[in-house]
Each structure stands twice: as C-alpha cells, then as structure tokens.
Amino acid sequence: MMLQTTLYAAARSRAHGPTAALWHAVEVHRPPAEVDGACELSLCGSLARVSTEQAWPVAARDVCPVCVLLTRC
C-alpha cells in the first residue's frame, strides 16, 4: 500500500483593483527548486507567485479563506 500525502506551498497573489493581495495555497507536485518564484494556479483558482520562504499555512491575516478551507478537507 502506498501512502500519498498532499503538500502545499504558500503563494502570493497580486492586488487587482479593489482586491487585496492574499496568500494562497498551491498544490505541489514538483521539487521546490522548480516552483520557486513561478506563477501557479492556487486551490481557489487564483494565479499566485510561489514563495519557498513561506510555509503553508501562512501565519498572516491576509490569507485566502477559500484556500484555508480547501486545505483542511
């Protein structure tokens, strides 16, 4: 039996108009060196730039509530 774990990286979106920049969760299927600084699709569907300096969940107030909910499932 193979145990599969899901890993998430923290990613920062850009502010657009009235929307603030938020931290999002990105499901990682590659080594961190391959995703560092890349824009990826987050769990909630936003494009966000992956940051290997931050671990998910991020200890911040500006975190996407949808990504938080989806990572708890």
N, C-alpha and C. Protein backbone atom coordinates (compact mmCIF):
# COMPACT_ATOMS: atom_id res chain seq x y z
N MET A 1 0.84 -1.17 0.00
CA MET A 1 0.00 0.00 0.00
C MET A 1 0.89 1.24 0.00
N MET A 2 0.59 2.19 -0.88
CA MET A 2 1.37 3.41 -0.96
C MET A 2 0.60 4.55 -0.29
N LEU A 3 1.28 5.24 0.61
CA LEU A 3 0.68 6.37 1.30
C LEU A 3 0.97 7.64 0.51
N GLN A 4 -0.04 8.37 0.18
CA GLN A 4 0.12 9.59 -0.60
C GLN A 4 -0.23 10.78 0.28
N THR A 5 0.68 11.74 0.35
CA THR A 5 0.42 12.96 1.10
C THR A 5 0.38 14.13 0.13
N THR A 6 -0.42 15.10 0.45
CA THR A 6 -0.53 16.29 -0.37
C THR A 6 0.27 17.40 0.28
N LEU A 7 1.16 18.00 -0.49
CA LEU A 7 1.96 19.11 0.00
C LEU A 7 1.49 20.40 -0.62
N TYR A 8 1.49 21.45 0.18
CA TYR A 8 1.07 22.76 -0.30
C TYR A 8 2.19 23.76 -0.11
N ALA A 9 2.31 24.66 -1.06
CA ALA A 9 3.25 25.76 -0.96
C ALA A 9 2.45 27.04 -0.79
N ALA A 10 3.05 28.02 -0.15
CA ALA A 10 2.42 29.32 0.00
C ALA A 10 2.74 30.15 -1.23
N ALA A 11 1.75 30.89 -1.71
CA ALA A 11 1.94 31.73 -2.88
C ALA A 11 1.21 33.05 -2.67
N ARG A 12 1.79 34.11 -3.19
CA ARG A 12 1.23 35.45 -3.00
C ARG A 12 0.61 35.95 -4.31
N SER A 13 -0.64 36.38 -4.23
CA SER A 13 -1.30 36.95 -5.41
C SER A 13 -1.01 38.44 -5.48
N ARG A 14 -1.32 39.02 -6.62
CA ARG A 14 -1.17 40.47 -6.78
C ARG A 14 -2.50 41.14 -6.49
N ALA A 15 -2.43 42.36 -6.01
CA ALA A 15 -3.64 43.15 -5.79
C ALA A 15 -4.17 43.62 -7.14
N HIS A 16 -5.47 43.48 -7.34
CA HIS A 16 -6.12 43.92 -8.57
C HIS A 16 -7.33 44.77 -8.22
N GLY A 17 -7.24 46.06 -8.54
CA GLY A 17 -8.37 46.96 -8.24
C GLY A 17 -8.72 46.92 -6.77
N PRO A 18 -9.99 46.61 -6.45
CA PRO A 18 -10.40 46.60 -5.04
C PRO A 18 -9.98 45.31 -4.31
N THR A 19 -9.38 44.37 -5.02
CA THR A 19 -8.99 43.09 -4.42
C THR A 19 -7.58 43.20 -3.84
N ALA A 20 -7.43 42.87 -2.58
CA ALA A 20 -6.12 42.92 -1.92
C ALA A 20 -5.28 41.70 -2.29
N ALA A 21 -3.97 41.87 -2.17
CA ALA A 21 -3.07 40.73 -2.36
C ALA A 21 -3.26 39.78 -1.19
N LEU A 22 -3.35 38.49 -1.48
CA LEU A 22 -3.56 37.48 -0.44
C LEU A 22 -2.55 36.36 -0.58
N TRP A 23 -2.38 35.62 0.52
CA TRP A 23 -1.61 34.39 0.49
C TRP A 23 -2.56 33.26 0.09
N HIS A 24 -2.10 32.40 -0.82
CA HIS A 24 -2.89 31.29 -1.32
C HIS A 24 -2.12 29.98 -1.14
N ALA A 25 -2.82 28.87 -1.27
CA ALA A 25 -2.19 27.55 -1.22
C ALA A 25 -2.12 27.00 -2.64
N VAL A 26 -0.95 26.44 -2.96
CA VAL A 26 -0.72 25.80 -4.26
C VAL A 26 -0.31 24.36 -4.00
N GLU A 27 -0.98 23.42 -4.64
CA GLU A 27 -0.62 22.02 -4.50
C GLU A 27 0.68 21.77 -5.27
N VAL A 28 1.65 21.15 -4.61
CA VAL A 28 2.98 20.99 -5.19
C VAL A 28 3.19 19.54 -5.63
N HIS A 29 3.56 19.39 -6.89
CA HIS A 29 3.86 18.07 -7.45
C HIS A 29 5.29 18.00 -7.97
N ARG A 30 6.07 19.07 -7.75
CA ARG A 30 7.45 19.14 -8.23
C ARG A 30 8.35 19.56 -7.09
N PRO A 31 9.67 19.37 -7.25
CA PRO A 31 10.59 19.84 -6.21
C PRO A 31 10.50 21.35 -6.04
N PRO A 32 10.72 21.86 -4.82
CA PRO A 32 10.61 23.30 -4.57
C PRO A 32 11.47 24.16 -5.48
N ALA A 33 12.62 23.68 -5.89
CA ALA A 33 13.50 24.47 -6.76
C ALA A 33 12.85 24.74 -8.12
N GLU A 34 11.96 23.88 -8.53
CA GLU A 34 11.30 24.05 -9.83
C GLU A 34 10.11 25.00 -9.78
N VAL A 35 9.59 25.29 -8.61
CA VAL A 35 8.43 26.17 -8.50
C VAL A 35 8.74 27.50 -7.83
N ASP A 36 9.96 27.70 -7.34
CA ASP A 36 10.33 28.92 -6.64
C ASP A 36 10.15 30.13 -7.55
N GLY A 37 9.26 31.02 -7.18
CA GLY A 37 9.04 32.25 -7.92
C GLY A 37 8.12 32.11 -9.12
N ALA A 38 7.67 30.91 -9.41
CA ALA A 38 6.80 30.71 -10.56
C ALA A 38 5.36 31.05 -10.21
N CYS A 39 4.61 31.50 -11.20
CA CYS A 39 3.18 31.71 -11.01
C CYS A 39 2.47 30.38 -11.22
N GLU A 40 1.62 30.03 -10.29
CA GLU A 40 0.90 28.77 -10.33
C GLU A 40 -0.57 29.03 -10.04
N LEU A 41 -1.40 28.09 -10.39
CA LEU A 41 -2.82 28.17 -10.08
C LEU A 41 -3.04 27.68 -8.66
N SER A 42 -3.65 28.52 -7.84
CA SER A 42 -3.88 28.14 -6.44
C SER A 42 -5.13 27.27 -6.34
N LEU A 43 -5.36 26.75 -5.15
CA LEU A 43 -6.52 25.88 -4.93
C LEU A 43 -7.84 26.58 -5.23
N CYS A 44 -7.90 27.88 -4.99
CA CYS A 44 -9.15 28.62 -5.22
C CYS A 44 -9.29 29.10 -6.66
N GLY A 45 -8.25 28.91 -7.47
CA GLY A 45 -8.32 29.31 -8.87
C GLY A 45 -7.61 30.60 -9.20
N SER A 46 -6.97 31.24 -8.23
CA SER A 46 -6.22 32.47 -8.48
C SER A 46 -4.81 32.14 -8.93
N LEU A 47 -4.24 33.02 -9.75
CA LEU A 47 -2.82 32.90 -10.08
C LEU A 47 -2.03 33.57 -8.98
N ALA A 48 -1.00 32.89 -8.51
CA ALA A 48 -0.19 33.43 -7.42
C ALA A 48 1.25 32.98 -7.60
N ARG A 49 2.19 33.81 -7.13
CA ARG A 49 3.61 33.51 -7.24
C ARG A 49 4.07 32.72 -6.01
N VAL A 50 4.61 31.53 -6.25
CA VAL A 50 5.03 30.63 -5.16
C VAL A 50 6.24 31.21 -4.44
N SER A 51 6.23 31.13 -3.13
CA SER A 51 7.32 31.58 -2.28
C SER A 51 7.79 30.41 -1.43
N THR A 52 9.02 29.96 -1.65
CA THR A 52 9.55 28.87 -0.84
C THR A 52 10.00 29.35 0.54
N GLU A 53 10.02 30.67 0.75
CA GLU A 53 10.39 31.20 2.07
C GLU A 53 9.25 31.10 3.06
N GLN A 54 8.03 30.94 2.57
CA GLN A 54 6.85 30.84 3.43
C GLN A 54 6.31 29.41 3.39
N ALA A 55 5.93 28.91 4.53
CA ALA A 55 5.31 27.59 4.61
C ALA A 55 3.80 27.75 4.69
N TRP A 56 3.09 26.80 4.12
CA TRP A 56 1.63 26.80 4.24
C TRP A 56 1.24 25.93 5.40
N PRO A 57 0.37 26.34 6.29
CA PRO A 57 -0.39 27.57 6.29
C PRO A 57 0.46 28.75 6.75
N VAL A 58 0.21 29.90 6.17
CA VAL A 58 0.96 31.12 6.47
C VAL A 58 0.39 31.75 7.73
N ALA A 59 1.27 32.18 8.59
CA ALA A 59 0.84 32.85 9.83
C ALA A 59 0.68 34.34 9.54
N ALA A 60 -0.39 34.67 8.84
CA ALA A 60 -0.67 36.07 8.47
C ALA A 60 -2.17 36.29 8.50
N ARG A 61 -2.58 37.54 8.42
CA ARG A 61 -4.01 37.85 8.43
C ARG A 61 -4.59 37.89 7.03
N ASP A 62 -3.74 38.14 6.02
CA ASP A 62 -4.21 38.29 4.65
C ASP A 62 -4.10 36.98 3.87
N VAL A 63 -4.83 35.97 4.35
CA VAL A 63 -4.81 34.64 3.76
C VAL A 63 -6.17 34.38 3.10
N CYS A 64 -6.13 33.75 1.94
CA CYS A 64 -7.35 33.43 1.20
C CYS A 64 -8.21 32.45 2.01
N PRO A 65 -9.44 32.82 2.35
CA PRO A 65 -10.29 31.93 3.15
C PRO A 65 -10.68 30.66 2.40
N VAL A 66 -10.79 30.72 1.09
CA VAL A 66 -11.14 29.53 0.30
C VAL A 66 -9.99 28.54 0.33
N CYS A 67 -8.76 29.00 0.17
CA CYS A 67 -7.61 28.11 0.22
C CYS A 67 -7.47 27.46 1.61
N VAL A 68 -7.74 28.22 2.65
CA VAL A 68 -7.70 27.67 4.01
C VAL A 68 -8.72 26.53 4.13
N LEU A 69 -9.91 26.78 3.67
CA LEU A 69 -10.97 25.78 3.75
C LEU A 69 -10.61 24.54 2.94
N LEU A 70 -10.10 24.72 1.74
CA LEU A 70 -9.77 23.57 0.86
C LEU A 70 -8.58 22.75 1.36
N THR A 71 -7.67 23.35 2.08
CA THR A 71 -6.53 22.59 2.61
C THR A 71 -6.91 21.80 3.87
N ARG A 72 -8.02 22.11 4.46
CA ARG A 72 -8.47 21.38 5.66
C ARG A 72 -9.28 20.14 5.32
N CYS A 73 -9.69 20.03 4.08
CA CYS A 73 -10.54 18.89 3.66
C CYS A 73 -9.80 17.58 3.70
